[in-house]
Amino acid sequence: GRAVTLNSVKKINIMHVKDFYENYIAPQDSILIV
């Protein structure tokens, strides 16, 4: 029910992105197909 808005995107800075990557992007339960 929470949509992406101009305000929410404008709030995001480079540190938010780095934190999101460090906290969530991981190999566990990911699937790789070659």
PDB file of all heavy atoms in Angstrom:
ATOM      1  N   GLY A   1       0.802  -1.214   0.000  1.00  0.00           N
ATOM      2  CA  GLY A   1       0.000   0.000   0.000  1.00  0.00           C
ATOM      3  C   GLY A   1       0.835   1.264   0.000  1.00  0.00           C
ATOM      4  O   GLY A   1       0.298   2.377  -0.052  1.00  0.00           O
ATOM      5  N   ARG A   2       2.159   1.092   0.061  1.00  0.00           N
ATOM      6  CA  ARG A   2       3.070   2.240   0.068  1.00  0.00           C
ATOM      7  C   ARG A   2       3.725   2.374  -1.306  1.00  0.00           C
ATOM      8  O   ARG A   2       4.578   1.595  -1.675  1.00  0.00           O
ATOM      9  CB  ARG A   2       4.143   2.066   1.146  1.00  0.00           C
ATOM     10  CG  ARG A   2       3.603   2.000   2.560  1.00  0.00           C
ATOM     11  CD  ARG A   2       4.722   1.979   3.597  1.00  0.00           C
ATOM     12  NE  ARG A   2       5.343   0.674   3.726  1.00  0.00           N
ATOM     13  CZ  ARG A   2       6.571   0.375   3.323  1.00  0.00           C
ATOM     14  NH1 ARG A   2       7.321   1.295   2.728  1.00  0.00           N
ATOM     15  NH2 ARG A   2       7.057  -0.838   3.481  1.00  0.00           N
ATOM     16  N   ALA A   3       3.339   3.367  -2.053  1.00  0.00           N
ATOM     17  CA  ALA A   3       3.866   3.548  -3.408  1.00  0.00           C
ATOM     18  C   ALA A   3       5.156   4.367  -3.386  1.00  0.00           C
ATOM     19  O   ALA A   3       5.413   5.146  -2.466  1.00  0.00           O
ATOM     20  CB  ALA A   3       2.825   4.255  -4.272  1.00  0.00           C
ATOM     21  N   VAL A   4       5.969   4.165  -4.412  1.00  0.00           N
ATOM     22  CA  VAL A   4       7.152   5.009  -4.621  1.00  0.00           C
ATOM     23  C   VAL A   4       6.675   6.400  -5.010  1.00  0.00           C
ATOM     24  O   VAL A   4       5.818   6.563  -5.872  1.00  0.00           O
ATOM     25  CB  VAL A   4       8.041   4.431  -5.734  1.00  0.00           C
ATOM     26  CG1 VAL A   4       9.278   5.301  -5.933  1.00  0.00           C
ATOM     27  CG2 VAL A   4       8.443   3.003  -5.416  1.00  0.00           C
ATOM     28  N   THR A   5       7.222   7.408  -4.358  1.00  0.00           N
ATOM     29  CA  THR A   5       6.829   8.789  -4.634  1.00  0.00           C
ATOM     30  C   THR A   5       8.066   9.632  -4.926  1.00  0.00           C
ATOM     31  O   THR A   5       9.205   9.199  -4.690  1.00  0.00           O
ATOM     32  CB  THR A   5       6.080   9.401  -3.442  1.00  0.00           C
ATOM     33  OG1 THR A   5       6.992   9.505  -2.324  1.00  0.00           O
ATOM     34  CG2 THR A   5       4.875   8.558  -3.046  1.00  0.00           C
ATOM     35  N   LEU A   6       7.820  10.846  -5.411  1.00  0.00           N
ATOM     36  CA  LEU A   6       8.937  11.765  -5.625  1.00  0.00           C
ATOM     37  C   LEU A   6       9.653  12.051  -4.313  1.00  0.00           C
ATOM     38  O   LEU A   6      10.889  12.102  -4.260  1.00  0.00           O
ATOM     39  CB  LEU A   6       8.419  13.067  -6.243  1.00  0.00           C
ATOM     40  CG  LEU A   6       7.902  12.989  -7.678  1.00  0.00           C
ATOM     41  CD1 LEU A   6       7.284  14.320  -8.087  1.00  0.00           C
ATOM     42  CD2 LEU A   6       9.019  12.609  -8.634  1.00  0.00           C
ATOM     43  N   ASN A   7       8.892  12.217  -3.243  1.00  0.00           N
ATOM     44  CA  ASN A   7       9.499  12.518  -1.943  1.00  0.00           C
ATOM     45  C   ASN A   7      10.348  11.363  -1.444  1.00  0.00           C
ATOM     46  O   ASN A   7      11.438  11.574  -0.893  1.00  0.00           O
ATOM     47  CB  ASN A   7       8.415  12.858  -0.917  1.00  0.00           C
ATOM     48  CG  ASN A   7       7.818  14.236  -1.142  1.00  0.00           C
ATOM     49  OD1 ASN A   7       8.461  15.102  -1.733  1.00  0.00           O
ATOM     50  ND2 ASN A   7       6.598  14.438  -0.686  1.00  0.00           N
ATOM     51  N   SER A   8       9.850  10.121  -1.597  1.00  0.00           N
ATOM     52  CA  SER A   8      10.612   8.981  -1.083  1.00  0.00           C
ATOM     53  C   SER A   8      11.922   8.806  -1.849  1.00  0.00           C
ATOM     54  O   SER A   8      12.960   8.494  -1.247  1.00  0.00           O
ATOM     55  CB  SER A   8       9.778   7.701  -1.154  1.00  0.00           C
ATOM     56  OG  SER A   8       9.515   7.310  -2.494  1.00  0.00           O
ATOM     57  N   VAL A   9      11.905   9.024  -3.162  1.00  0.00           N
ATOM     58  CA  VAL A   9      13.132   8.892  -3.947  1.00  0.00           C
ATOM     59  C   VAL A   9      14.097  10.030  -3.630  1.00  0.00           C
ATOM     60  O   VAL A   9      15.305   9.815  -3.511  1.00  0.00           O
ATOM     61  CB  VAL A   9      12.810   8.858  -5.454  1.00  0.00           C
ATOM     62  CG1 VAL A   9      14.096   8.874  -6.281  1.00  0.00           C
ATOM     63  CG2 VAL A   9      11.994   7.618  -5.794  1.00  0.00           C
ATOM     64  N   LYS A  10      13.560  11.232  -3.473  1.00  0.00           N
ATOM     65  CA  LYS A  10      14.424  12.376  -3.163  1.00  0.00           C
ATOM     66  C   LYS A  10      15.124  12.213  -1.817  1.00  0.00           C
ATOM     67  O   LYS A  10      16.221  12.730  -1.610  1.00  0.00           O
ATOM     68  CB  LYS A  10      13.601  13.661  -3.173  1.00  0.00           C
ATOM     69  CG  LYS A  10      13.185  14.114  -4.571  1.00  0.00           C
ATOM     70  CD  LYS A  10      12.304  15.357  -4.518  1.00  0.00           C
ATOM     71  CE  LYS A  10      11.903  15.805  -5.919  1.00  0.00           C
ATOM     72  NZ  LYS A  10      11.008  16.989  -5.892  1.00  0.00           N
ATOM     73  N   LYS A  11      14.513  11.482  -0.890  1.00  0.00           N
ATOM     74  CA  LYS A  11      15.120  11.260   0.430  1.00  0.00           C
ATOM     75  C   LYS A  11      16.313  10.312   0.389  1.00  0.00           C
ATOM     76  O   LYS A  11      17.156  10.328   1.276  1.00  0.00           O
ATOM     77  CB  LYS A  11      14.072  10.690   1.389  1.00  0.00           C
ATOM     78  CG  LYS A  11      13.052  11.681   1.885  1.00  0.00           C
ATOM     79  CD  LYS A  11      12.104  10.986   2.853  1.00  0.00           C
ATOM     80  CE  LYS A  11      11.026  11.935   3.356  1.00  0.00           C
ATOM     81  NZ  LYS A  11      10.079  11.255   4.268  1.00  0.00           N
ATOM     82  N   ILE A  12      16.368   9.461  -0.631  1.00  0.00           N
ATOM     83  CA  ILE A  12      17.399   8.428  -0.682  1.00  0.00           C
ATOM     84  C   ILE A  12      18.751   9.038  -1.031  1.00  0.00           C
ATOM     85  O   ILE A  12      18.873   9.774  -2.014  1.00  0.00           O
ATOM     86  CB  ILE A  12      17.031   7.349  -1.726  1.00  0.00           C
ATOM     87  CG1 ILE A  12      15.699   6.684  -1.368  1.00  0.00           C
ATOM     88  CG2 ILE A  12      18.126   6.295  -1.816  1.00  0.00           C
ATOM     89  CD1 ILE A  12      15.163   5.776  -2.453  1.00  0.00           C
ATOM     90  N   ASN A  13      19.756   8.738  -0.217  1.00  0.00           N
ATOM     91  CA  ASN A  13      21.118   9.172  -0.528  1.00  0.00           C
ATOM     92  C   ASN A  13      22.003   7.949  -0.758  1.00  0.00           C
ATOM     93  O   ASN A  13      21.576   6.803  -0.594  1.00  0.00           O
ATOM     94  CB  ASN A  13      21.682  10.092   0.566  1.00  0.00           C
ATOM     95  CG  ASN A  13      21.740   9.415   1.929  1.00  0.00           C
ATOM     96  OD1 ASN A  13      22.153   8.263   2.046  1.00  0.00           O
ATOM     97  ND2 ASN A  13      21.319  10.130   2.968  1.00  0.00           N
ATOM     98  N   ILE A  14      23.258   8.191  -1.122  1.00  0.00           N
ATOM     99  CA  ILE A  14      24.160   7.108  -1.485  1.00  0.00           C
ATOM    100  C   ILE A  14      24.403   6.155  -0.317  1.00  0.00           C
ATOM    101  O   ILE A  14      24.554   4.937  -0.495  1.00  0.00           O
ATOM    102  CB  ILE A  14      25.493   7.674  -2.026  1.00  0.00           C
ATOM    103  CG1 ILE A  14      26.369   6.571  -2.618  1.00  0.00           C
ATOM    104  CG2 ILE A  14      26.239   8.419  -0.934  1.00  0.00           C
ATOM    105  CD1 ILE A  14      25.903   6.049  -3.933  1.00  0.00           C
ATOM    106  N   MET A  15      24.397   6.671   0.913  1.00  0.00           N
ATOM    107  CA  MET A  15      24.604   5.821   2.085  1.00  0.00           C
ATOM    108  C   MET A  15      23.412   4.900   2.314  1.00  0.00           C
ATOM    109  O   MET A  15      23.573   3.758   2.749  1.00  0.00           O
ATOM    110  CB  MET A  15      24.865   6.678   3.323  1.00  0.00           C
ATOM    111  CG  MET A  15      26.195   7.409   3.309  1.00  0.00           C
ATOM    112  SD  MET A  15      27.601   6.310   2.953  1.00  0.00           S
ATOM    113  CE  MET A  15      27.471   5.120   4.283  1.00  0.00           C
ATOM    114  N   HIS A  16      22.198   5.385   2.033  1.00  0.00           N
ATOM    115  CA  HIS A  16      21.015   4.525   2.132  1.00  0.00           C
ATOM    116  C   HIS A  16      21.157   3.331   1.192  1.00  0.00           C
ATOM    117  O   HIS A  16      20.832   2.193   1.550  1.00  0.00           O
ATOM    118  CB  HIS A  16      19.754   5.309   1.773  1.00  0.00           C
ATOM    119  CG  HIS A  16      19.349   6.324   2.785  1.00  0.00           C
ATOM    120  ND1 HIS A  16      18.932   7.582   2.440  1.00  0.00           N
ATOM    121  CD2 HIS A  16      19.302   6.264   4.142  1.00  0.00           C
ATOM    122  CE1 HIS A  16      18.636   8.263   3.524  1.00  0.00           C
ATOM    123  NE2 HIS A  16      18.863   7.492   4.569  1.00  0.00           N
ATOM    124  N   VAL A  17      21.627   3.594  -0.030  1.00  0.00           N
ATOM    125  CA  VAL A  17      21.798   2.528  -1.020  1.00  0.00           C
ATOM    126  C   VAL A  17      22.850   1.531  -0.559  1.00  0.00           C
ATOM    127  O   VAL A  17      22.660   0.313  -0.640  1.00  0.00           O
ATOM    128  CB  VAL A  17      22.177   3.122  -2.391  1.00  0.00           C
ATOM    129  CG1 VAL A  17      22.540   2.021  -3.381  1.00  0.00           C
ATOM    130  CG2 VAL A  17      21.039   3.967  -2.936  1.00  0.00           C
ATOM    131  N   LYS A  18      23.975   2.021  -0.067  1.00  0.00           N
ATOM    132  CA  LYS A  18      25.040   1.130   0.411  1.00  0.00           C
ATOM    133  C   LYS A  18      24.558   0.282   1.584  1.00  0.00           C
ATOM    134  O   LYS A  18      24.859  -0.916   1.667  1.00  0.00           O
ATOM    135  CB  LYS A  18      26.272   1.950   0.810  1.00  0.00           C
ATOM    136  CG  LYS A  18      26.999   2.576  -0.370  1.00  0.00           C
ATOM    137  CD  LYS A  18      28.216   3.378   0.096  1.00  0.00           C
ATOM    138  CE  LYS A  18      28.966   3.965  -1.095  1.00  0.00           C
ATOM    139  NZ  LYS A  18      30.160   4.753  -0.668  1.00  0.00           N
ATOM    140  N   ASP A  19      23.788   0.886   2.486  1.00  0.00           N
ATOM    141  CA  ASP A  19      23.251   0.136   3.628  1.00  0.00           C
ATOM    142  C   ASP A  19      22.268  -0.933   3.162  1.00  0.00           C
ATOM    143  O   ASP A  19      22.264  -2.056   3.687  1.00  0.00           O
ATOM    144  CB  ASP A  19      22.556   1.084   4.606  1.00  0.00           C
ATOM    145  CG  ASP A  19      23.536   1.942   5.388  1.00  0.00           C
ATOM    146  OD1 ASP A  19      24.737   1.600   5.410  1.00  0.00           O
ATOM    147  OD2 ASP A  19      23.105   2.966   5.963  1.00  0.00           O
ATOM    148  N   PHE A  20      21.416  -0.578   2.199  1.00  0.00           N
ATOM    149  CA  PHE A  20      20.454  -1.554   1.671  1.00  0.00           C
ATOM    150  C   PHE A  20      21.196  -2.732   1.050  1.00  0.00           C
ATOM    151  O   PHE A  20      20.830  -3.896   1.270  1.00  0.00           O
ATOM    152  CB  PHE A  20      19.552  -0.885   0.633  1.00  0.00           C
ATOM    153  CG  PHE A  20      18.453  -1.771   0.127  1.00  0.00           C
ATOM    154  CD1 PHE A  20      17.249  -1.863   0.799  1.00  0.00           C
ATOM    155  CD2 PHE A  20      18.622  -2.519  -1.029  1.00  0.00           C
ATOM    156  CE1 PHE A  20      16.228  -2.689   0.342  1.00  0.00           C
ATOM    157  CE2 PHE A  20      17.615  -3.342  -1.511  1.00  0.00           C
ATOM    158  CZ  PHE A  20      16.417  -3.428  -0.817  1.00  0.00           C
ATOM    159  N   TYR A  21      22.244  -2.436   0.303  1.00  0.00           N
ATOM    160  CA  TYR A  21      23.044  -3.503  -0.321  1.00  0.00           C
ATOM    161  C   TYR A  21      23.673  -4.389   0.752  1.00  0.00           C
ATOM    162  O   TYR A  21      23.600  -5.624   0.675  1.00  0.00           O
ATOM    163  CB  TYR A  21      24.125  -2.890  -1.200  1.00  0.00           C
ATOM    164  CG  TYR A  21      25.085  -3.920  -1.776  1.00  0.00           C
ATOM    165  CD1 TYR A  21      24.773  -4.600  -2.940  1.00  0.00           C
ATOM    166  CD2 TYR A  21      26.292  -4.202  -1.132  1.00  0.00           C
ATOM    167  CE1 TYR A  21      25.648  -5.557  -3.461  1.00  0.00           C
ATOM    168  CE2 TYR A  21      27.160  -5.155  -1.637  1.00  0.00           C
ATOM    169  CZ  TYR A  21      26.832  -5.832  -2.798  1.00  0.00           C
ATOM    170  OH  TYR A  21      27.699  -6.775  -3.293  1.00  0.00           O
ATOM    171  N   GLU A  22      24.307  -3.779   1.748  1.00  0.00           N
ATOM    172  CA  GLU A  22      24.993  -4.551   2.781  1.00  0.00           C
ATOM    173  C   GLU A  22      24.013  -5.381   3.608  1.00  0.00           C
ATOM    174  O   GLU A  22      24.337  -6.482   4.062  1.00  0.00           O
ATOM    175  CB  GLU A  22      25.797  -3.621   3.694  1.00  0.00           C
ATOM    176  CG  GLU A  22      26.993  -2.970   3.024  1.00  0.00           C
ATOM    177  CD  GLU A  22      28.015  -3.985   2.542  1.00  0.00           C
ATOM    178  OE1 GLU A  22      28.114  -5.074   3.155  1.00  0.00           O
ATOM    179  OE2 GLU A  22      28.690  -3.704   1.539  1.00  0.00           O
ATOM    180  N   ASN A  23      22.823  -4.876   3.808  1.00  0.00           N
ATOM    181  CA  ASN A  23      21.857  -5.562   4.665  1.00  0.00           C
ATOM    182  C   ASN A  23      21.066  -6.657   3.965  1.00  0.00           C
ATOM    183  O   ASN A  23      20.609  -7.608   4.611  1.00  0.00           O
ATOM    184  CB  ASN A  23      20.870  -4.544   5.262  1.00  0.00           C
ATOM    185  CG  ASN A  23      21.509  -3.644   6.288  1.00  0.00           C
ATOM    186  OD1 ASN A  23      22.466  -4.032   6.952  1.00  0.00           O
ATOM    187  ND2 ASN A  23      21.000  -2.424   6.410  1.00  0.00           N
ATOM    188  N   TYR A  24      20.882  -6.530   2.651  1.00  0.00           N
ATOM    189  CA  TYR A  24      19.929  -7.408   1.972  1.00  0.00           C
ATOM    190  C   TYR A  24      20.472  -8.219   0.801  1.00  0.00           C
ATOM    191  O   TYR A  24      19.941  -9.284   0.501  1.00  0.00           O
ATOM    192  CB  TYR A  24      18.736  -6.580   1.458  1.00  0.00           C
ATOM    193  CG  TYR A  24      17.943  -5.913   2.543  1.00  0.00           C
ATOM    194  CD1 TYR A  24      17.895  -4.526   2.654  1.00  0.00           C
ATOM    195  CD2 TYR A  24      17.233  -6.666   3.465  1.00  0.00           C
ATOM    196  CE1 TYR A  24      17.157  -3.908   3.641  1.00  0.00           C
ATOM    197  CE2 TYR A  24      16.488  -6.056   4.466  1.00  0.00           C
ATOM    198  CZ  TYR A  24      16.459  -4.680   4.546  1.00  0.00           C
ATOM    199  OH  TYR A  24      15.726  -4.078   5.535  1.00  0.00           O
ATOM    200  N   ILE A  25      21.485  -7.731   0.099  1.00  0.00           N
ATOM    201  CA  ILE A  25      21.970  -8.437  -1.096  1.00  0.00           C
ATOM    202  C   ILE A  25      22.993  -9.474  -0.668  1.00  0.00           C
ATOM    203  O   ILE A  25      24.113  -9.143  -0.277  1.00  0.00           O
ATOM    204  CB  ILE A  25      22.590  -7.455  -2.113  1.00  0.00           C
ATOM    205  CG1 ILE A  25      21.621  -6.313  -2.424  1.00  0.00           C
ATOM    206  CG2 ILE A  25      22.994  -8.196  -3.372  1.00  0.00           C
ATOM    207  CD1 ILE A  25      20.314  -6.750  -3.041  1.00  0.00           C
ATOM    208  N   ALA A  26      22.597 -10.754  -0.722  1.00  0.00           N
ATOM    209  CA  ALA A  26      23.429 -11.830  -0.195  1.00  0.00           C
ATOM    210  C   ALA A  26      23.178 -13.119  -0.976  1.00  0.00           C
ATOM    211  O   ALA A  26      22.163 -13.254  -1.662  1.00  0.00           O
ATOM    212  CB  ALA A  26      23.128 -12.040   1.292  1.00  0.00           C
ATOM    213  N   PRO A  27      24.103 -14.092  -0.866  1.00  0.00           N
ATOM    214  CA  PRO A  27      23.933 -15.339  -1.632  1.00  0.00           C
ATOM    215  C   PRO A  27      22.876 -16.282  -1.069  1.00  0.00           C
ATOM    216  O   PRO A  27      22.342 -17.115  -1.811  1.00  0.00           O
ATOM    217  CB  PRO A  27      25.327 -15.982  -1.561  1.00  0.00           C
ATOM    218  CG  PRO A  27      25.933 -15.442  -0.304  1.00  0.00           C
ATOM    219  CD  PRO A  27      25.406 -14.034  -0.180  1.00  0.00           C
ATOM    220  N   GLN A  28      22.556 -16.171   0.224  1.00  0.00           N
ATOM    221  CA  GLN A  28      21.622 -17.111   0.819  1.00  0.00           C
ATOM    222  C   GLN A  28      20.273 -17.097   0.102  1.00  0.00           C
ATOM    223  O   GLN A  28      19.668 -16.048  -0.069  1.00  0.00           O
ATOM    224  CB  GLN A  28      21.393 -16.804   2.305  1.00  0.00           C
ATOM    225  CG  GLN A  28      22.623 -16.976   3.171  1.00  0.00           C
ATOM    226  CD  GLN A  28      23.286 -15.658   3.480  1.00  0.00           C
ATOM    227  OE1 GLN A  28      23.750 -14.982   2.570  1.00  0.00           O
ATOM    228  NE2 GLN A  28      23.341 -15.279   4.759  1.00  0.00           N
ATOM    229  N   ASP A  29      19.810 -18.270  -0.302  1.00  0.00           N
ATOM    230  CA  ASP A  29      18.513 -18.461  -0.958  1.00  0.00           C
ATOM    231  C   ASP A  29      18.419 -17.771  -2.315  1.00  0.00           C
ATOM    232  O   ASP A  29      17.328 -17.706  -2.892  1.00  0.00           O
ATOM    233  CB  ASP A  29      17.370 -17.984  -0.059  1.00  0.00           C
ATOM    234  CG  ASP A  29      17.295 -18.763   1.241  1.00  0.00           C
ATOM    235  OD1 ASP A  29      17.491 -19.992   1.186  1.00  0.00           O
ATOM    236  OD2 ASP A  29      17.059 -18.159   2.297  1.00  0.00           O
ATOM    237  N   SER A  30      19.526 -17.245  -2.820  1.00  0.00           N
ATOM    238  CA  SER A  30      19.534 -16.711  -4.178  1.00  0.00           C
ATOM    239  C   SER A  30      19.721 -17.867  -5.162  1.00  0.00           C
ATOM    240  O   SER A  30      20.239 -18.928  -4.814  1.00  0.00           O
ATOM    241  CB  SER A  30      20.657 -15.692  -4.356  1.00  0.00           C
ATOM    242  OG  SER A  30      20.444 -14.555  -3.533  1.00  0.00           O
ATOM    243  N   ILE A  31      19.278 -17.657  -6.386  1.00  0.00           N
ATOM    244  CA  ILE A  31      19.367 -18.699  -7.417  1.00  0.00           C
ATOM    245  C   ILE A  31      20.139 -18.159  -8.613  1.00  0.00           C
ATOM    246  O   ILE A  31      19.814 -17.092  -9.131  1.00  0.00           O
ATOM    247  CB  ILE A  31      17.962 -19.150  -7.872  1.00  0.00           C
ATOM    248  CG1 ILE A  31      17.158 -19.687  -6.689  1.00  0.00           C
ATOM    249  CG2 ILE A  31      18.071 -20.211  -8.972  1.00  0.00           C
ATOM    250  CD1 ILE A  31      15.705 -19.966  -7.027  1.00  0.00           C
ATOM    251  N   LEU A  32      21.142 -18.891  -9.040  1.00  0.00           N
ATOM    252  CA  LEU A  32      21.953 -18.508 -10.198  1.00  0.00           C
ATOM    253  C   LEU A  32      21.820 -19.585 -11.267  1.00  0.00           C
ATOM    254  O   LEU A  32      22.050 -20.773 -10.992  1.00  0.00           O
ATOM    255  CB  LEU A  32      23.424 -18.349  -9.806  1.00  0.00           C
ATOM    256  CG  LEU A  32      24.364 -17.940 -10.937  1.00  0.00           C
ATOM    257  CD1 LEU A  32      24.112 -16.501 -11.346  1.00  0.00           C
ATOM    258  CD2 LEU A  32      25.822 -18.120 -10.517  1.00  0.00           C
ATOM    259  N   ILE A  33      21.430 -19.174 -12.461  1.00  0.00           N
ATOM    260  CA  ILE A  33      21.293 -20.108 -13.578  1.00  0.00           C
ATOM    261  C   ILE A  33      22.268 -19.707 -14.677  1.00  0.00           C
ATOM    262  O   ILE A  33      22.283 -18.554 -15.106  1.00  0.00           O
ATOM    263  CB  ILE A  33      19.863 -20.108 -14.138  1.00  0.00           C
ATOM    264  CG1 ILE A  33      18.856 -20.484 -13.053  1.00  0.00           C
ATOM    265  CG2 ILE A  33      19.744 -21.079 -15.316  1.00  0.00           C
ATOM    266  CD1 ILE A  33      17.413 -20.339 -13.482  1.00  0.00           C
ATOM    267  N   VAL A  34      23.089 -20.649 -15.092  1.00  0.00           N
ATOM    268  CA  VAL A  34      23.986 -20.452 -16.230  1.00  0.00           C
ATOM    269  C   VAL A  34      23.610 -21.483 -17.279  1.00  0.00           C
ATOM    270  O   VAL A  34      23.650 -22.693 -17.022  1.00  0.00           O
ATOM    271  CB  VAL A  34      25.463 -20.606 -15.833  1.00  0.00           C
ATOM    272  CG1 VAL A  34      26.360 -20.298 -17.037  1.00  0.00           C
ATOM    273  CG2 VAL A  34      25.812 -19.693 -14.668  1.00  0.00           C
TER     274      VAL A  34
END
